[in-house]
């Protein structure tokens, strides 16, 4: 017997303030492995989850974050990391297109996506991602403090636009 899907049950499992940032190694498009634990030693982390390099909403948000958020974060010790399940070779394209100065990293083993329950099945996405799984993350921004505690989580499963840079900056401060 199939049980009806309870939307509230799904929402309750999504990342929220008070959760912990898992120890994870991501693959930065240009630099190779980056360890989140090491980044936390020098400042909080802002994670921007996006599906893949050719996603129009992600392109718009990451371009806006380069212009407005990245310079403002320079006055803080926060790290900005854009995270996708797409392989790093394909992510390099979005980094170069927008001349992004912040980290653009692959989560090919879905360490963060699974830990934060942000993934959903998208048939055929494995081909686009260059990966073995067809799991995409909901658009989301997660801010973790230096101790690895999530202080802010903004998940947009309804397709709404990414949060404005000012909202993210306020969460970091």
Protein backbone atom coordinates (compact mmCIF):
# COMPACT_ATOMS: atom_id res chain seq x y z
CA UNK A 1 0.00 0.00 0.00
CA UNK A 2 1.41 3.38 -0.99
CA UNK A 3 1.20 6.07 1.63
CA UNK A 4 0.45 9.61 0.50
CA UNK A 5 3.45 11.92 0.38
CA UNK A 6 3.33 14.35 3.27
CA UNK A 7 4.84 17.65 2.11
CA UNK A 8 5.34 18.78 5.72
CA UNK A 9 7.44 15.69 6.38
CA UNK A 10 9.74 16.67 3.51
CA UNK A 11 10.00 20.27 4.74
CA UNK A 12 10.83 19.09 8.26
CA UNK A 13 13.83 17.15 6.95
CA UNK A 14 15.38 20.05 5.01
CA UNK A 15 18.38 21.84 6.47
CA UNK A 16 17.53 24.39 9.15
CA UNK A 17 19.30 26.62 11.67
CA UNK A 18 20.95 24.58 14.39
CA UNK A 19 21.97 21.73 12.06
CA UNK A 20 25.67 21.02 11.67
CA UNK A 21 27.76 21.36 8.55
CA UNK A 22 29.16 17.91 7.80
CA UNK A 23 32.85 17.38 7.28
CA UNK A 24 33.07 17.23 3.51
CA UNK A 25 35.57 17.54 0.70
CA UNK A 26 34.31 19.28 -2.43
CA UNK A 27 36.04 19.47 -5.81
CA UNK A 28 36.60 23.09 -6.80
CA UNK A 29 36.44 23.65 -10.56
CA UNK A 30 39.96 25.10 -10.78
CA UNK A 31 41.67 24.19 -7.51
CA UNK A 32 40.70 20.57 -6.88
CA UNK A 33 39.78 19.35 -3.38
CA UNK A 34 38.67 21.90 -0.79
CA UNK A 35 37.98 20.82 2.78
CA UNK A 36 35.09 22.59 4.48
CA UNK A 37 36.67 21.91 7.90
CA UNK A 38 39.74 23.88 6.84
CA UNK A 39 37.66 26.77 5.51
CA UNK A 40 35.86 26.99 8.86
CA UNK A 41 39.20 27.61 10.57
CA UNK A 42 39.31 31.04 8.94
CA UNK A 43 35.66 32.06 8.76
CA UNK A 44 32.02 31.20 8.27
CA UNK A 45 30.86 29.57 5.05
CA UNK A 46 28.08 30.63 2.70
CA UNK A 47 26.98 27.68 0.53
CA UNK A 48 24.92 28.36 -2.59
CA UNK A 49 23.41 25.16 -4.00
CA UNK A 50 22.62 25.09 -7.71
CA UNK A 51 21.82 22.26 -10.14
CA UNK A 52 24.31 22.66 -13.03
CA UNK A 53 26.31 25.21 -15.04
CA UNK A 54 23.66 25.91 -17.68
CA UNK A 55 20.81 26.55 -15.23
CA UNK A 56 19.46 30.03 -16.04
CA UNK A 57 18.31 30.83 -12.48
CA UNK A 58 21.71 29.76 -11.15
CA UNK A 59 23.51 31.84 -13.78
CA UNK A 60 21.53 34.92 -12.81
CA UNK A 61 22.09 34.38 -9.09
CA UNK A 62 25.80 33.58 -9.30
CA UNK A 63 26.40 36.58 -11.56
CA UNK A 64 24.56 38.83 -9.09
CA UNK A 65 26.48 37.32 -6.18
CA UNK A 66 29.78 38.05 -7.96
CA UNK A 67 28.77 41.69 -8.46
CA UNK A 68 27.06 42.44 -5.13
CA UNK A 69 27.66 39.75 -2.52
CA UNK A 70 31.30 38.81 -3.10
CA UNK A 71 32.65 42.37 -2.66
CA UNK A 72 30.55 42.86 0.49
CA UNK A 73 31.77 39.57 1.95
CA UNK A 74 35.30 40.94 1.54
CA UNK A 75 34.64 43.04 4.66
CA UNK A 76 33.95 39.83 6.59
CA UNK A 77 35.97 36.64 6.91
CA UNK A 78 33.26 34.54 5.22
CA UNK A 79 33.89 32.12 2.36
CA UNK A 80 31.45 31.89 -0.54
CA UNK A 81 31.12 28.44 -2.12
CA UNK A 82 28.72 27.62 -4.97
CA UNK A 83 27.91 23.88 -4.85
CA UNK A 84 26.55 21.60 -7.59
CA UNK A 85 26.48 17.83 -8.15
CA UNK A 86 27.85 18.46 -11.67
CA UNK A 87 31.42 17.26 -12.37
CA UNK A 88 34.10 19.95 -11.88
CA UNK A 89 35.12 19.99 -15.53
CA UNK A 90 31.64 21.18 -16.51
CA UNK A 91 31.43 23.65 -13.62
CA UNK A 92 34.53 25.46 -14.86
CA UNK A 93 32.35 26.83 -17.68
CA UNK A 94 30.07 28.84 -15.36
CA UNK A 95 33.04 30.07 -13.35
CA UNK A 96 34.73 31.42 -16.46
CA UNK A 97 31.55 32.80 -18.06
CA UNK A 98 30.88 35.04 -15.06
CA UNK A 99 34.54 35.46 -14.03
CA UNK A 100 33.59 34.21 -10.56
CA UNK A 101 36.14 34.98 -7.87
CA UNK A 102 34.61 32.64 -5.29
CA UNK A 103 34.74 28.86 -5.07
CA UNK A 104 32.59 26.87 -7.52
CA UNK A 105 32.68 23.28 -6.35
CA UNK A 106 31.29 19.88 -7.19
CA UNK A 107 29.63 17.65 -4.62
CA UNK A 108 29.81 14.52 -6.80
CA UNK A 109 29.16 12.12 -3.92
CA UNK A 110 26.25 14.27 -2.67
CA UNK A 111 27.80 14.62 0.79
CA UNK A 112 26.24 18.03 1.46
CA UNK A 113 23.16 17.57 -0.68
CA UNK A 114 22.25 14.36 1.17
CA UNK A 115 23.23 15.67 4.62
CA UNK A 116 20.97 18.69 4.15
CA UNK A 117 18.20 16.67 2.42
CA UNK A 118 18.23 19.06 -0.51
CA UNK A 119 18.17 16.51 -3.32
CA UNK A 120 15.36 15.45 -5.60
CA UNK A 121 15.31 12.89 -8.39
CA UNK A 122 15.43 14.36 -11.90
CA UNK A 123 15.32 11.62 -14.57
CA UNK A 124 18.12 12.01 -17.09
CA UNK A 125 20.09 14.51 -15.02
CA UNK A 126 22.99 12.06 -14.80
CA UNK A 127 23.85 12.81 -18.44
CA UNK A 128 23.79 16.57 -17.89
CA UNK A 129 25.75 16.31 -14.66
CA UNK A 130 28.33 13.85 -15.98
CA UNK A 131 27.65 11.84 -12.83
CA UNK A 132 26.18 8.50 -11.88
CA UNK A 133 23.10 9.85 -10.09
CA UNK A 134 20.15 11.87 -11.34
CA UNK A 135 19.82 13.93 -8.16
CA UNK A 136 19.65 17.72 -8.27
CA UNK A 137 19.61 20.05 -5.26
CA UNK A 138 16.82 22.49 -4.56
CA UNK A 139 18.08 26.06 -4.96
CA UNK A 140 19.34 26.96 -1.49
CA UNK A 141 21.66 29.20 0.47
CA UNK A 142 23.07 27.90 3.76
CA UNK A 143 25.22 29.97 6.13
CA UNK A 144 27.32 28.12 8.73
CA UNK A 145 29.31 29.88 11.44
CA UNK A 146 32.96 29.11 12.25
CA UNK A 147 31.93 26.26 14.56
CA UNK A 148 30.02 24.60 11.70
CA UNK A 149 26.54 25.34 13.02
CA UNK A 150 23.98 26.37 10.41
CA UNK A 151 22.77 29.86 11.29
CA UNK A 152 20.66 30.50 8.21
CA UNK A 153 19.01 28.25 5.62
CA UNK A 154 16.95 29.49 2.70
CA UNK A 155 15.64 26.63 0.55
CA UNK A 156 13.54 27.41 -2.54
CA UNK A 157 11.86 24.17 -3.70
CA UNK A 158 9.01 26.13 -5.24
CA UNK A 159 11.20 27.57 -7.98
CA UNK A 160 11.38 31.05 -6.46
CA UNK A 161 14.44 33.14 -7.25
CA UNK A 162 17.56 32.86 -5.10
CA UNK A 163 17.73 35.23 -2.13
CA UNK A 164 19.04 38.73 -2.70
CA UNK A 165 22.68 39.42 -1.78
CA UNK A 166 21.59 41.79 1.02
CA UNK A 167 19.62 38.99 2.70
CA UNK A 168 22.63 36.68 2.65
CA UNK A 169 24.97 39.39 3.92
CA UNK A 170 22.59 40.09 6.81
CA UNK A 171 22.63 36.39 7.72
CA UNK A 172 26.44 36.36 7.73
CA UNK A 173 26.61 39.39 10.01
